[in-house]
Amino acid sequence: MPSLKDLRNRITSVKSTRKITKAMQMVAAAKLRRAQESAIAARPYSERMAIVLANLSSSMEGRDDAPPLLAGNGKDQTHLLVVCTAERGLCGGFNSSIARLAREHADRRRQKGQ
């Protein structure tokens, strides 16, 4: 049976671990909140990019010199996937995530025969 001193040490240890865990949760919550705010702040850029690409595509329709991927061919078998990444320093993980998601999307399209 553990002594009273061992029990006190154990209680102190558990309390310290609880404090550390609570601090880590607070840091994680702050990082998540910041990431969500950044994603919401980037939404207008994403919407504007969609408008620009739609305008570019519509301006190419019916032109003889238009690239087939932009103008389309009337079939639903060919898709243009535009992937935009950051060019700022230390964005390796961010860019890798974008590239991975783009590859997964392209693989899903290939599996559907598109």
N, C-alpha and C. Protein backbone atom coordinates (compact mmCIF):
# COMPACT_ATOMS: atom_id res chain seq x y z
N MET A 1 0.84 -1.18 0.00
CA MET A 1 0.00 0.00 0.00
C MET A 1 0.88 1.25 0.00
N PRO A 2 0.56 2.23 -0.86
CA PRO A 2 1.40 3.43 -0.94
C PRO A 2 1.29 4.26 0.34
N SER A 3 2.36 4.93 0.59
CA SER A 3 2.37 5.78 1.79
C SER A 3 1.62 7.09 1.51
N LEU A 4 1.41 7.84 2.56
CA LEU A 4 0.70 9.12 2.44
C LEU A 4 1.48 10.08 1.55
N LYS A 5 2.79 10.05 1.65
CA LYS A 5 3.64 10.93 0.83
C LYS A 5 3.51 10.56 -0.64
N ASP A 6 3.48 9.27 -0.95
CA ASP A 6 3.31 8.82 -2.33
C ASP A 6 1.97 9.28 -2.90
N LEU A 7 0.93 9.20 -2.09
CA LEU A 7 -0.40 9.63 -2.53
C LEU A 7 -0.42 11.14 -2.80
N ARG A 8 0.22 11.91 -1.91
CA ARG A 8 0.28 13.36 -2.11
C ARG A 8 1.04 13.71 -3.39
N ASN A 9 2.15 13.02 -3.60
CA ASN A 9 2.93 13.24 -4.83
C ASN A 9 2.10 12.90 -6.07
N ARG A 10 1.36 11.83 -5.99
CA ARG A 10 0.53 11.40 -7.11
C ARG A 10 -0.57 12.43 -7.39
N ILE A 11 -1.21 12.93 -6.34
CA ILE A 11 -2.26 13.94 -6.49
C ILE A 11 -1.67 15.22 -7.11
N THR A 12 -0.50 15.64 -6.63
CA THR A 12 0.16 16.83 -7.17
C THR A 12 0.49 16.62 -8.65
N SER A 13 0.97 15.44 -8.98
CA SER A 13 1.32 15.13 -10.37
C SER A 13 0.10 15.18 -11.28
N VAL A 14 -1.00 14.62 -10.81
CA VAL A 14 -2.24 14.62 -11.62
C VAL A 14 -2.75 16.05 -11.80
N LYS A 15 -2.67 16.86 -10.75
CA LYS A 15 -3.11 18.25 -10.86
C LYS A 15 -2.24 19.02 -11.85
N SER A 16 -0.93 18.78 -11.83
CA SER A 16 -0.02 19.45 -12.76
C SER A 16 -0.34 19.03 -14.20
N THR A 17 -0.58 17.74 -14.38
CA THR A 17 -0.92 17.24 -15.72
C THR A 17 -2.23 17.86 -16.20
N ARG A 18 -3.19 18.00 -15.31
CA ARG A 18 -4.47 18.62 -15.65
C ARG A 18 -4.27 20.07 -16.09
N LYS A 19 -3.40 20.82 -15.38
CA LYS A 19 -3.14 22.21 -15.74
C LYS A 19 -2.49 22.30 -17.13
N ILE A 20 -1.53 21.42 -17.37
CA ILE A 20 -0.85 21.41 -18.68
C ILE A 20 -1.84 21.09 -19.79
N THR A 21 -2.68 20.10 -19.55
CA THR A 21 -3.68 19.71 -20.55
C THR A 21 -4.65 20.85 -20.83
N LYS A 22 -5.07 21.54 -19.79
CA LYS A 22 -5.98 22.67 -19.95
C LYS A 22 -5.32 23.79 -20.76
N ALA A 23 -4.06 24.06 -20.49
CA ALA A 23 -3.34 25.09 -21.25
C ALA A 23 -3.21 24.69 -22.71
N MET A 24 -2.93 23.42 -22.98
CA MET A 24 -2.82 22.94 -24.36
C MET A 24 -4.16 23.06 -25.08
N GLN A 25 -5.25 22.78 -24.39
CA GLN A 25 -6.58 22.92 -24.99
C GLN A 25 -6.87 24.37 -25.33
N MET A 26 -6.47 25.28 -24.47
CA MET A 26 -6.70 26.70 -24.73
C MET A 26 -5.89 27.17 -25.93
N VAL A 27 -4.65 26.72 -26.04
CA VAL A 27 -3.82 27.08 -27.19
C VAL A 27 -4.43 26.53 -28.48
N ALA A 28 -4.87 25.27 -28.43
CA ALA A 28 -5.47 24.65 -29.62
C ALA A 28 -6.75 25.38 -30.02
N ALA A 29 -7.54 25.79 -29.05
CA ALA A 29 -8.78 26.52 -29.35
C ALA A 29 -8.47 27.87 -29.99
N ALA A 30 -7.45 28.53 -29.49
CA ALA A 30 -7.07 29.83 -30.07
C ALA A 30 -6.57 29.66 -31.50
N LYS A 31 -5.78 28.62 -31.75
CA LYS A 31 -5.29 28.36 -33.12
C LYS A 31 -6.45 28.03 -34.05
N LEU A 32 -7.39 27.24 -33.59
CA LEU A 32 -8.54 26.88 -34.41
C LEU A 32 -9.37 28.12 -34.73
N ARG A 33 -9.59 28.97 -33.75
CA ARG A 33 -10.35 30.20 -33.96
C ARG A 33 -9.66 31.08 -34.99
N ARG A 34 -8.33 31.21 -34.88
CA ARG A 34 -7.57 32.01 -35.84
C ARG A 34 -7.67 31.43 -37.24
N ALA A 35 -7.58 30.11 -37.35
CA ALA A 35 -7.68 29.45 -38.66
C ALA A 35 -9.06 29.65 -39.27
N GLN A 36 -10.10 29.57 -38.44
CA GLN A 36 -11.46 29.79 -38.93
C GLN A 36 -11.65 31.22 -39.40
N GLU A 37 -11.11 32.16 -38.66
CA GLU A 37 -11.22 33.57 -39.07
C GLU A 37 -10.48 33.81 -40.37
N SER A 38 -9.33 33.19 -40.55
CA SER A 38 -8.58 33.33 -41.80
C SER A 38 -9.35 32.75 -42.97
N ALA A 39 -9.98 31.60 -42.76
CA ALA A 39 -10.76 30.97 -43.82
C ALA A 39 -11.95 31.84 -44.20
N ILE A 40 -12.60 32.43 -43.22
CA ILE A 40 -13.73 33.31 -43.50
C ILE A 40 -13.26 34.58 -44.21
N ALA A 41 -12.10 35.10 -43.80
CA ALA A 41 -11.56 36.30 -44.45
C ALA A 41 -11.17 36.03 -45.90
N ALA A 42 -10.79 34.78 -46.23
CA ALA A 42 -10.37 34.44 -47.58
C ALA A 42 -11.56 34.16 -48.50
N ARG A 43 -12.74 34.05 -47.96
CA ARG A 43 -13.92 33.72 -48.76
C ARG A 43 -14.17 34.71 -49.90
N PRO A 44 -14.07 36.04 -49.68
CA PRO A 44 -14.28 36.96 -50.81
C PRO A 44 -13.29 36.74 -51.95
N TYR A 45 -12.04 36.40 -51.62
CA TYR A 45 -11.05 36.14 -52.67
C TYR A 45 -11.43 34.90 -53.47
N SER A 46 -11.90 33.89 -52.76
CA SER A 46 -12.33 32.66 -53.43
C SER A 46 -13.51 32.93 -54.35
N GLU A 47 -14.47 33.70 -53.86
CA GLU A 47 -15.63 34.01 -54.69
C GLU A 47 -15.23 34.84 -55.90
N ARG A 48 -14.33 35.77 -55.71
CA ARG A 48 -13.87 36.60 -56.83
C ARG A 48 -13.10 35.75 -57.85
N MET A 49 -12.30 34.81 -57.36
CA MET A 49 -11.56 33.92 -58.26
C MET A 49 -12.53 33.08 -59.08
N ALA A 50 -13.61 32.61 -58.48
CA ALA A 50 -14.61 31.84 -59.21
C ALA A 50 -15.26 32.70 -60.29
N ILE A 51 -15.53 33.96 -59.98
CA ILE A 51 -16.13 34.87 -60.96
C ILE A 51 -15.17 35.11 -62.12
N VAL A 52 -13.89 35.34 -61.80
CA VAL A 52 -12.88 35.57 -62.84
C VAL A 52 -12.78 34.37 -63.77
N LEU A 53 -12.71 33.16 -63.20
CA LEU A 53 -12.60 31.96 -64.02
C LEU A 53 -13.87 31.74 -64.86
N ALA A 54 -15.04 32.03 -64.29
CA ALA A 54 -16.28 31.88 -65.04
C ALA A 54 -16.33 32.88 -66.20
N ASN A 55 -15.90 34.11 -65.95
CA ASN A 55 -15.86 35.12 -67.02
C ASN A 55 -14.87 34.72 -68.11
N LEU A 56 -13.73 34.22 -67.71
CA LEU A 56 -12.72 33.77 -68.68
C LEU A 56 -13.27 32.63 -69.53
N SER A 57 -13.91 31.70 -68.89
CA SER A 57 -14.48 30.57 -69.62
C SER A 57 -15.59 31.01 -70.56
N SER A 58 -16.47 31.89 -70.09
CA SER A 58 -17.58 32.34 -70.94
C SER A 58 -17.08 33.19 -72.10
N SER A 59 -15.97 33.92 -71.90
CA SER A 59 -15.45 34.73 -73.00
C SER A 59 -14.81 33.86 -74.09
N MET A 60 -14.46 32.65 -73.76
CA MET A 60 -13.82 31.75 -74.73
C MET A 60 -14.83 30.91 -75.51
N GLU A 61 -16.06 30.87 -75.05
CA GLU A 61 -17.07 30.03 -75.72
C GLU A 61 -17.33 30.54 -77.13
N GLY A 62 -17.36 29.62 -78.07
CA GLY A 62 -17.69 29.97 -79.45
C GLY A 62 -16.53 30.50 -80.26
N ARG A 63 -15.38 30.69 -79.65
CA ARG A 63 -14.21 31.19 -80.39
C ARG A 63 -13.45 30.01 -80.98
N ASP A 64 -12.96 30.20 -82.19
CA ASP A 64 -12.22 29.12 -82.86
C ASP A 64 -10.84 28.92 -82.26
N ASP A 65 -10.23 30.00 -81.75
CA ASP A 65 -8.88 29.91 -81.21
C ASP A 65 -8.85 29.63 -79.71
N ALA A 66 -9.99 29.33 -79.14
CA ALA A 66 -10.08 29.11 -77.69
C ALA A 66 -9.48 27.75 -77.31
N PRO A 67 -8.73 27.70 -76.20
CA PRO A 67 -8.22 26.41 -75.73
C PRO A 67 -9.39 25.50 -75.37
N PRO A 68 -9.35 24.23 -75.75
CA PRO A 68 -10.49 23.33 -75.50
C PRO A 68 -10.85 23.19 -74.02
N LEU A 69 -9.86 23.25 -73.13
CA LEU A 69 -10.16 23.09 -71.71
C LEU A 69 -10.91 24.29 -71.15
N LEU A 70 -10.67 25.48 -71.72
CA LEU A 70 -11.39 26.66 -71.26
C LEU A 70 -12.75 26.81 -71.92
N ALA A 71 -12.82 26.55 -73.21
CA ALA A 71 -14.06 26.74 -73.94
C ALA A 71 -15.03 25.59 -73.71
N GLY A 72 -14.50 24.43 -73.43
CA GLY A 72 -15.35 23.26 -73.26
C GLY A 72 -15.64 22.62 -74.60
N ASN A 73 -16.10 21.39 -74.55
CA ASN A 73 -16.40 20.67 -75.79
C ASN A 73 -17.83 20.15 -75.78
N GLY A 74 -18.62 20.56 -74.81
CA GLY A 74 -20.00 20.13 -74.75
C GLY A 74 -20.20 18.78 -74.08
N LYS A 75 -19.11 18.14 -73.71
CA LYS A 75 -19.20 16.85 -73.04
C LYS A 75 -18.84 17.04 -71.57
N ASP A 76 -19.28 16.10 -70.77
CA ASP A 76 -18.99 16.16 -69.34
C ASP A 76 -17.85 15.22 -68.97
N GLN A 77 -17.02 14.89 -69.94
CA GLN A 77 -15.94 13.94 -69.69
C GLN A 77 -14.61 14.62 -69.38
N THR A 78 -14.44 15.87 -69.82
CA THR A 78 -13.18 16.58 -69.63
C THR A 78 -13.40 17.72 -68.65
N HIS A 79 -12.55 17.80 -67.65
CA HIS A 79 -12.67 18.84 -66.62
C HIS A 79 -11.34 19.55 -66.47
N LEU A 80 -11.42 20.85 -66.25
CA LEU A 80 -10.24 21.65 -65.97
C LEU A 80 -10.17 21.87 -64.47
N LEU A 81 -9.06 21.51 -63.88
CA LEU A 81 -8.85 21.68 -62.44
C LEU A 81 -7.77 22.73 -62.25
N VAL A 82 -8.14 23.87 -61.71
CA VAL A 82 -7.20 24.96 -61.47
C VAL A 82 -6.79 24.90 -60.01
N VAL A 83 -5.51 24.72 -59.76
CA VAL A 83 -5.00 24.59 -58.40
C VAL A 83 -4.17 25.83 -58.09
N CYS A 84 -4.52 26.54 -57.03
CA CYS A 84 -3.80 27.74 -56.61
C CYS A 84 -3.15 27.47 -55.27
N THR A 85 -1.86 27.74 -55.18
CA THR A 85 -1.13 27.56 -53.93
C THR A 85 -0.49 28.89 -53.53
N ALA A 86 0.01 28.93 -52.31
CA ALA A 86 0.67 30.13 -51.80
C ALA A 86 2.13 30.13 -52.24
N GLU A 87 2.68 31.32 -52.40
CA GLU A 87 4.09 31.41 -52.75
C GLU A 87 4.89 32.12 -51.66
N ARG A 88 4.34 32.14 -50.47
CA ARG A 88 5.02 32.75 -49.34
C ARG A 88 5.94 31.73 -48.69
N GLY A 89 6.90 32.19 -47.95
CA GLY A 89 7.83 31.29 -47.28
C GLY A 89 7.16 30.45 -46.21
N LEU A 90 7.70 29.28 -45.99
CA LEU A 90 7.25 28.36 -44.95
C LEU A 90 5.80 27.91 -45.14
N CYS A 91 5.37 27.77 -46.38
CA CYS A 91 4.01 27.31 -46.67
C CYS A 91 4.01 25.88 -47.19
N GLY A 92 5.06 25.14 -46.92
CA GLY A 92 5.19 23.79 -47.46
C GLY A 92 4.03 22.89 -47.08
N GLY A 93 3.66 22.89 -45.81
CA GLY A 93 2.56 22.04 -45.37
C GLY A 93 1.23 22.46 -45.98
N PHE A 94 1.02 23.75 -46.08
CA PHE A 94 -0.21 24.29 -46.67
C PHE A 94 -0.29 23.90 -48.15
N ASN A 95 0.80 24.13 -48.88
CA ASN A 95 0.82 23.79 -50.30
C ASN A 95 0.72 22.29 -50.52
N SER A 96 1.34 21.51 -49.66
CA SER A 96 1.26 20.05 -49.78
C SER A 96 -0.19 19.58 -49.59
N SER A 97 -0.88 20.20 -48.65
CA SER A 97 -2.29 19.83 -48.42
C SER A 97 -3.14 20.16 -49.63
N ILE A 98 -2.90 21.31 -50.23
CA ILE A 98 -3.66 21.70 -51.42
C ILE A 98 -3.38 20.73 -52.56
N ALA A 99 -2.10 20.41 -52.76
CA ALA A 99 -1.74 19.48 -53.84
C ALA A 99 -2.34 18.10 -53.60
N ARG A 100 -2.34 17.65 -52.36
CA ARG A 100 -2.93 16.34 -52.04
C ARG A 100 -4.42 16.33 -52.33
N LEU A 101 -5.12 17.39 -51.91
CA LEU A 101 -6.56 17.47 -52.18
C LEU A 101 -6.85 17.53 -53.68
N ALA A 102 -6.01 18.25 -54.42
CA ALA A 102 -6.20 18.33 -55.88
C ALA A 102 -6.00 16.95 -56.51
N ARG A 103 -4.96 16.23 -56.05
CA ARG A 103 -4.72 14.87 -56.58
C ARG A 103 -5.89 13.94 -56.26
N GLU A 104 -6.41 14.03 -55.04
CA GLU A 104 -7.55 13.19 -54.66
C GLU A 104 -8.77 13.51 -55.51
N HIS A 105 -8.99 14.80 -55.76
CA HIS A 105 -10.13 15.19 -56.60
C HIS A 105 -9.96 14.66 -58.03
N ALA A 106 -8.74 14.81 -58.56
CA ALA A 106 -8.47 14.31 -59.91
C ALA A 106 -8.63 12.79 -59.97
N ASP A 107 -8.17 12.09 -58.94
CA ASP A 107 -8.32 10.63 -58.90
C ASP A 107 -9.78 10.21 -58.87
N ARG A 108 -10.61 10.93 -58.11
CA ARG A 108 -12.05 10.64 -58.08
C ARG A 108 -12.66 10.85 -59.45
N ARG A 109 -12.24 11.91 -60.15
CA ARG A 109 -12.76 12.16 -61.50
C ARG A 109 -12.34 11.04 -62.46
N ARG A 110 -11.08 10.59 -62.33
CA ARG A 110 -10.61 9.50 -63.19
C ARG A 110 -11.37 8.22 -62.94
N GLN A 111 -11.67 7.94 -61.69
CA GLN A 111 -12.43 6.73 -61.36
C GLN A 111 -13.83 6.79 -61.94
N LYS A 112 -14.38 7.99 -62.09
CA LYS A 112 -15.70 8.13 -62.71
C LYS A 112 -15.61 8.11 -64.23
N GLY A 113 -14.39 8.02 -64.76
CA GLY A 113 -14.21 7.98 -66.21
C GLY A 113 -14.18 9.36 -66.84
N GLN A 114 -13.93 10.37 -66.04
CA GLN A 114 -13.90 11.74 -66.55
C GLN A 114 -12.47 12.22 -66.63
